[in-house]
Amino acid sequence: MTEAKDNLPVDDAHTNRSHVGEGIADGRNYPGYILIGLALAALGLALVAAGYGFKGWALIAGIICAVTLVGGVSAVLLERRRVKRLEGLGLTDQEGH
């Protein structure tokens, strides 16, 4: 057993991952998740606009969808890479499972 940051014992033999719940606990991920959610909403708007024949609005919503999706995924991956770098690991290094 080792000591955690708060001097609480950590059972390393039975702990599967060192970052369980990291996406919830780390507030720096929220902007990325919000952008991904906005991308999904924009995708829905683009599909509805295209279905009703509003080509201009469909194009605008499609562009917004693409930009927010790329921005959201980039924000989440950059934050994940920052956390891994602080631990001395690479972005693709496996943990736990």
N, C-alpha and C. Protein backbone atom coordinates (compact mmCIF):
# COMPACT_ATOMS: atom_id res chain seq x y z
N MET A 1 0.84 -1.17 0.00
CA MET A 1 0.00 0.00 0.00
C MET A 1 0.88 1.24 0.00
N THR A 2 0.43 2.25 -0.69
CA THR A 2 1.16 3.51 -0.75
C THR A 2 0.29 4.61 -0.18
N GLU A 3 0.88 5.78 -0.06
CA GLU A 3 0.15 6.94 0.45
C GLU A 3 -0.27 7.83 -0.71
N ALA A 4 -1.49 8.28 -0.69
CA ALA A 4 -1.99 9.19 -1.72
C ALA A 4 -1.62 10.62 -1.33
N LYS A 5 -2.03 11.59 -2.16
CA LYS A 5 -1.73 12.99 -1.91
C LYS A 5 -2.26 13.46 -0.56
N ASP A 6 -3.42 12.96 -0.17
CA ASP A 6 -4.04 13.39 1.09
C ASP A 6 -3.62 12.51 2.26
N ASN A 7 -2.53 11.77 2.09
CA ASN A 7 -2.02 10.85 3.11
C ASN A 7 -3.03 9.78 3.48
N LEU A 8 -3.87 9.41 2.54
CA LEU A 8 -4.80 8.31 2.74
C LEU A 8 -4.19 7.07 2.11
N PRO A 9 -4.35 5.90 2.73
CA PRO A 9 -3.77 4.70 2.14
C PRO A 9 -4.47 4.32 0.84
N VAL A 10 -3.69 3.89 -0.15
CA VAL A 10 -4.21 3.46 -1.43
C VAL A 10 -3.86 1.99 -1.60
N ASP A 11 -4.85 1.17 -1.86
CA ASP A 11 -4.63 -0.26 -2.05
C ASP A 11 -4.27 -0.52 -3.51
N ASP A 12 -2.95 -0.50 -3.81
CA ASP A 12 -2.49 -0.66 -5.18
C ASP A 12 -2.81 -2.04 -5.75
N ALA A 13 -2.90 -3.05 -4.90
CA ALA A 13 -3.16 -4.40 -5.38
C ALA A 13 -4.57 -4.55 -5.93
N HIS A 14 -5.51 -3.74 -5.46
CA HIS A 14 -6.89 -3.86 -5.89
C HIS A 14 -7.40 -2.64 -6.66
N THR A 15 -6.54 -1.72 -6.98
CA THR A 15 -6.94 -0.53 -7.74
C THR A 15 -6.65 -0.79 -9.21
N ASN A 16 -7.69 -0.73 -10.03
CA ASN A 16 -7.52 -1.02 -11.45
C ASN A 16 -6.90 0.14 -12.21
N ARG A 17 -7.33 1.35 -11.90
CA ARG A 17 -6.86 2.51 -12.65
C ARG A 17 -6.50 3.61 -11.67
N SER A 18 -5.50 4.38 -12.03
CA SER A 18 -5.08 5.47 -11.15
C SER A 18 -5.91 6.73 -11.38
N HIS A 19 -6.74 6.76 -12.43
CA HIS A 19 -7.50 7.96 -12.75
C HIS A 19 -8.99 7.68 -12.90
N VAL A 20 -9.54 6.89 -12.03
CA VAL A 20 -10.97 6.61 -12.11
C VAL A 20 -11.73 7.91 -11.85
N GLY A 21 -12.66 8.24 -12.72
CA GLY A 21 -13.45 9.45 -12.57
C GLY A 21 -12.70 10.73 -12.91
N GLU A 22 -11.60 10.62 -13.62
CA GLU A 22 -10.80 11.80 -13.94
C GLU A 22 -11.58 12.81 -14.75
N GLY A 23 -12.43 12.34 -15.65
CA GLY A 23 -13.21 13.25 -16.49
C GLY A 23 -14.17 14.09 -15.68
N ILE A 24 -14.61 13.59 -14.54
CA ILE A 24 -15.52 14.34 -13.69
C ILE A 24 -14.74 15.22 -12.71
N ALA A 25 -13.68 14.67 -12.14
CA ALA A 25 -12.94 15.38 -11.10
C ALA A 25 -12.11 16.54 -11.67
N ASP A 26 -11.60 16.39 -12.89
CA ASP A 26 -10.75 17.42 -13.49
C ASP A 26 -11.62 18.41 -14.24
N GLY A 27 -11.82 19.59 -13.70
CA GLY A 27 -12.69 20.60 -14.31
C GLY A 27 -12.17 21.15 -15.61
N ARG A 28 -10.92 20.90 -15.94
CA ARG A 28 -10.37 21.42 -17.19
C ARG A 28 -10.88 20.66 -18.41
N ASN A 29 -11.54 19.53 -18.19
CA ASN A 29 -12.12 18.77 -19.30
C ASN A 29 -13.48 19.31 -19.72
N TYR A 30 -14.15 20.04 -18.86
CA TYR A 30 -15.52 20.48 -19.12
C TYR A 30 -15.68 21.30 -20.39
N PRO A 31 -14.81 22.25 -20.70
CA PRO A 31 -15.00 23.00 -21.96
C PRO A 31 -14.99 22.08 -23.19
N GLY A 32 -14.14 21.08 -23.17
CA GLY A 32 -14.12 20.13 -24.29
C GLY A 32 -15.40 19.33 -24.38
N TYR A 33 -15.91 18.88 -23.24
CA TYR A 33 -17.17 18.12 -23.24
C TYR A 33 -18.33 19.00 -23.68
N ILE A 34 -18.33 20.25 -23.27
CA ILE A 34 -19.40 21.17 -23.68
C ILE A 34 -19.34 21.40 -25.19
N LEU A 35 -18.14 21.57 -25.74
CA LEU A 35 -18.01 21.76 -27.18
C LEU A 35 -18.48 20.52 -27.95
N ILE A 36 -18.18 19.33 -27.44
CA ILE A 36 -18.65 18.11 -28.09
C ILE A 36 -20.17 18.04 -28.04
N GLY A 37 -20.76 18.42 -26.92
CA GLY A 37 -22.22 18.46 -26.82
C GLY A 37 -22.83 19.46 -27.79
N LEU A 38 -22.21 20.62 -27.92
CA LEU A 38 -22.68 21.61 -28.90
C LEU A 38 -22.55 21.09 -30.33
N ALA A 39 -21.50 20.33 -30.58
CA ALA A 39 -21.34 19.74 -31.91
C ALA A 39 -22.47 18.77 -32.22
N LEU A 40 -22.86 17.98 -31.23
CA LEU A 40 -23.98 17.05 -31.44
C LEU A 40 -25.29 17.80 -31.68
N ALA A 41 -25.50 18.88 -30.93
CA ALA A 41 -26.70 19.69 -31.13
C ALA A 41 -26.68 20.33 -32.51
N ALA A 42 -25.54 20.83 -32.94
CA ALA A 42 -25.43 21.44 -34.27
C ALA A 42 -25.64 20.40 -35.37
N LEU A 43 -25.19 19.17 -35.12
CA LEU A 43 -25.43 18.10 -36.09
C LEU A 43 -26.93 17.86 -36.24
N GLY A 44 -27.64 17.82 -35.11
CA GLY A 44 -29.09 17.66 -35.17
C GLY A 44 -29.75 18.80 -35.92
N LEU A 45 -29.31 20.03 -35.63
CA LEU A 45 -29.88 21.19 -36.33
C LEU A 45 -29.59 21.13 -37.83
N ALA A 46 -28.39 20.69 -38.18
CA ALA A 46 -28.03 20.60 -39.60
C ALA A 46 -28.90 19.56 -40.30
N LEU A 47 -29.14 18.44 -39.64
CA LEU A 47 -29.96 17.40 -40.27
C LEU A 47 -31.42 17.84 -40.42
N VAL A 48 -31.94 18.54 -39.42
CA VAL A 48 -33.31 19.03 -39.51
C VAL A 48 -33.41 20.10 -40.61
N ALA A 49 -32.45 21.01 -40.64
CA ALA A 49 -32.47 22.05 -41.67
C ALA A 49 -32.36 21.45 -43.07
N ALA A 50 -31.51 20.45 -43.23
CA ALA A 50 -31.37 19.80 -44.53
C ALA A 50 -32.65 19.05 -44.89
N GLY A 51 -33.28 18.43 -43.90
CA GLY A 51 -34.52 17.71 -44.16
C GLY A 51 -35.65 18.61 -44.61
N TYR A 52 -35.68 19.83 -44.10
CA TYR A 52 -36.72 20.78 -44.49
C TYR A 52 -36.33 21.62 -45.71
N GLY A 53 -35.14 21.39 -46.24
CA GLY A 53 -34.73 22.07 -47.46
C GLY A 53 -34.06 23.42 -47.27
N PHE A 54 -33.67 23.75 -46.05
CA PHE A 54 -32.95 25.02 -45.80
C PHE A 54 -31.46 24.78 -45.97
N LYS A 55 -30.99 24.83 -47.21
CA LYS A 55 -29.60 24.49 -47.52
C LYS A 55 -28.60 25.42 -46.84
N GLY A 56 -28.90 26.71 -46.79
CA GLY A 56 -27.99 27.67 -46.17
C GLY A 56 -27.82 27.41 -44.68
N TRP A 57 -28.95 27.19 -43.98
CA TRP A 57 -28.88 26.92 -42.55
C TRP A 57 -28.21 25.57 -42.28
N ALA A 58 -28.44 24.61 -43.16
CA ALA A 58 -27.80 23.30 -43.00
C ALA A 58 -26.28 23.43 -43.14
N LEU A 59 -25.85 24.24 -44.09
CA LEU A 59 -24.42 24.45 -44.28
C LEU A 59 -23.80 25.15 -43.07
N ILE A 60 -24.47 26.18 -42.57
CA ILE A 60 -23.96 26.90 -41.39
C ILE A 60 -23.89 25.97 -40.18
N ALA A 61 -24.94 25.21 -39.94
CA ALA A 61 -24.95 24.29 -38.80
C ALA A 61 -23.90 23.19 -38.98
N GLY A 62 -23.70 22.74 -40.21
CA GLY A 62 -22.67 21.72 -40.48
C GLY A 62 -21.27 22.23 -40.20
N ILE A 63 -21.01 23.47 -40.58
CA ILE A 63 -19.69 24.07 -40.30
C ILE A 63 -19.50 24.24 -38.81
N ILE A 64 -20.52 24.72 -38.12
CA ILE A 64 -20.44 24.88 -36.66
C ILE A 64 -20.21 23.52 -36.01
N CYS A 65 -20.89 22.51 -36.50
CA CYS A 65 -20.73 21.15 -35.96
C CYS A 65 -19.27 20.70 -36.10
N ALA A 66 -18.70 20.86 -37.28
CA ALA A 66 -17.33 20.41 -37.53
C ALA A 66 -16.33 21.17 -36.66
N VAL A 67 -16.50 22.49 -36.58
CA VAL A 67 -15.55 23.31 -35.80
C VAL A 67 -15.63 22.98 -34.31
N THR A 68 -16.84 22.87 -33.77
CA THR A 68 -16.96 22.59 -32.34
C THR A 68 -16.53 21.17 -32.01
N LEU A 69 -16.76 20.23 -32.91
CA LEU A 69 -16.32 18.85 -32.67
C LEU A 69 -14.80 18.77 -32.64
N VAL A 70 -14.15 19.38 -33.61
CA VAL A 70 -12.68 19.38 -33.64
C VAL A 70 -12.12 20.10 -32.41
N GLY A 71 -12.71 21.24 -32.07
CA GLY A 71 -12.25 21.98 -30.90
C GLY A 71 -12.46 21.21 -29.60
N GLY A 72 -13.60 20.56 -29.45
CA GLY A 72 -13.89 19.80 -28.24
C GLY A 72 -12.98 18.60 -28.07
N VAL A 73 -12.82 17.83 -29.14
CA VAL A 73 -11.94 16.66 -29.07
C VAL A 73 -10.50 17.10 -28.82
N SER A 74 -10.08 18.18 -29.45
CA SER A 74 -8.72 18.70 -29.22
C SER A 74 -8.53 19.13 -27.77
N ALA A 75 -9.52 19.81 -27.21
CA ALA A 75 -9.41 20.26 -25.82
C ALA A 75 -9.31 19.08 -24.86
N VAL A 76 -10.11 18.05 -25.08
CA VAL A 76 -10.07 16.87 -24.21
C VAL A 76 -8.73 16.15 -24.36
N LEU A 77 -8.26 15.98 -25.59
CA LEU A 77 -6.99 15.28 -25.79
C LEU A 77 -5.80 16.08 -25.26
N LEU A 78 -5.83 17.39 -25.41
CA LEU A 78 -4.73 18.21 -24.87
C LEU A 78 -4.68 18.13 -23.35
N GLU A 79 -5.83 18.15 -22.71
CA GLU A 79 -5.86 18.03 -21.25
C GLU A 79 -5.41 16.65 -20.82
N ARG A 80 -5.82 15.64 -21.54
CA ARG A 80 -5.39 14.27 -21.22
C ARG A 80 -3.88 14.15 -21.38
N ARG A 81 -3.35 14.74 -22.43
CA ARG A 81 -1.90 14.70 -22.65
C ARG A 81 -1.16 15.44 -21.55
N ARG A 82 -1.73 16.56 -21.07
CA ARG A 82 -1.10 17.31 -19.99
C ARG A 82 -1.03 16.47 -18.72
N VAL A 83 -2.10 15.78 -18.40
CA VAL A 83 -2.12 14.93 -17.20
C VAL A 83 -1.12 13.79 -17.33
N LYS A 84 -1.08 13.17 -18.50
CA LYS A 84 -0.14 12.06 -18.72
C LYS A 84 1.31 12.56 -18.66
N ARG A 85 1.57 13.76 -19.21
CA ARG A 85 2.93 14.30 -19.20
C ARG A 85 3.40 14.55 -17.77
N LEU A 86 2.48 15.02 -16.91
CA LEU A 86 2.84 15.25 -15.52
C LEU A 86 3.21 13.96 -14.81
N GLU A 87 2.68 12.83 -15.29
CA GLU A 87 2.99 11.53 -14.71
C GLU A 87 4.19 10.88 -15.37
N GLY A 88 4.70 11.49 -16.43
CA GLY A 88 5.83 10.91 -17.15
C GLY A 88 5.42 9.83 -18.13
N LEU A 89 4.17 9.82 -18.56
CA LEU A 89 3.67 8.83 -19.49
C LEU A 89 3.32 9.49 -20.82
N GLY A 90 3.19 8.67 -21.86
CA GLY A 90 2.75 9.16 -23.16
C GLY A 90 1.25 9.09 -23.26
N LEU A 91 0.68 9.76 -24.26
CA LEU A 91 -0.77 9.81 -24.43
C LEU A 91 -1.36 8.43 -24.69
N THR A 92 -0.61 7.57 -25.36
CA THR A 92 -1.14 6.24 -25.71
C THR A 92 -0.72 5.14 -24.73
N ASP A 93 -0.03 5.49 -23.65
CA ASP A 93 0.34 4.47 -22.65
C ASP A 93 -0.92 3.94 -21.98
N GLN A 94 -0.99 2.62 -21.87
CA GLN A 94 -2.17 1.98 -21.29
C GLN A 94 -2.17 2.08 -19.78
N GLU A 95 -3.37 2.17 -19.22
CA GLU A 95 -3.55 2.14 -17.77
C GLU A 95 -4.64 1.16 -17.44
N GLY A 96 -4.45 0.39 -16.43
CA GLY A 96 -5.52 -0.43 -15.89
C GLY A 96 -6.01 -1.50 -16.83
N HIS A 97 -7.13 -1.25 -17.46
CA HIS A 97 -7.84 -2.28 -18.22
C HIS A 97 -7.04 -2.70 -19.42
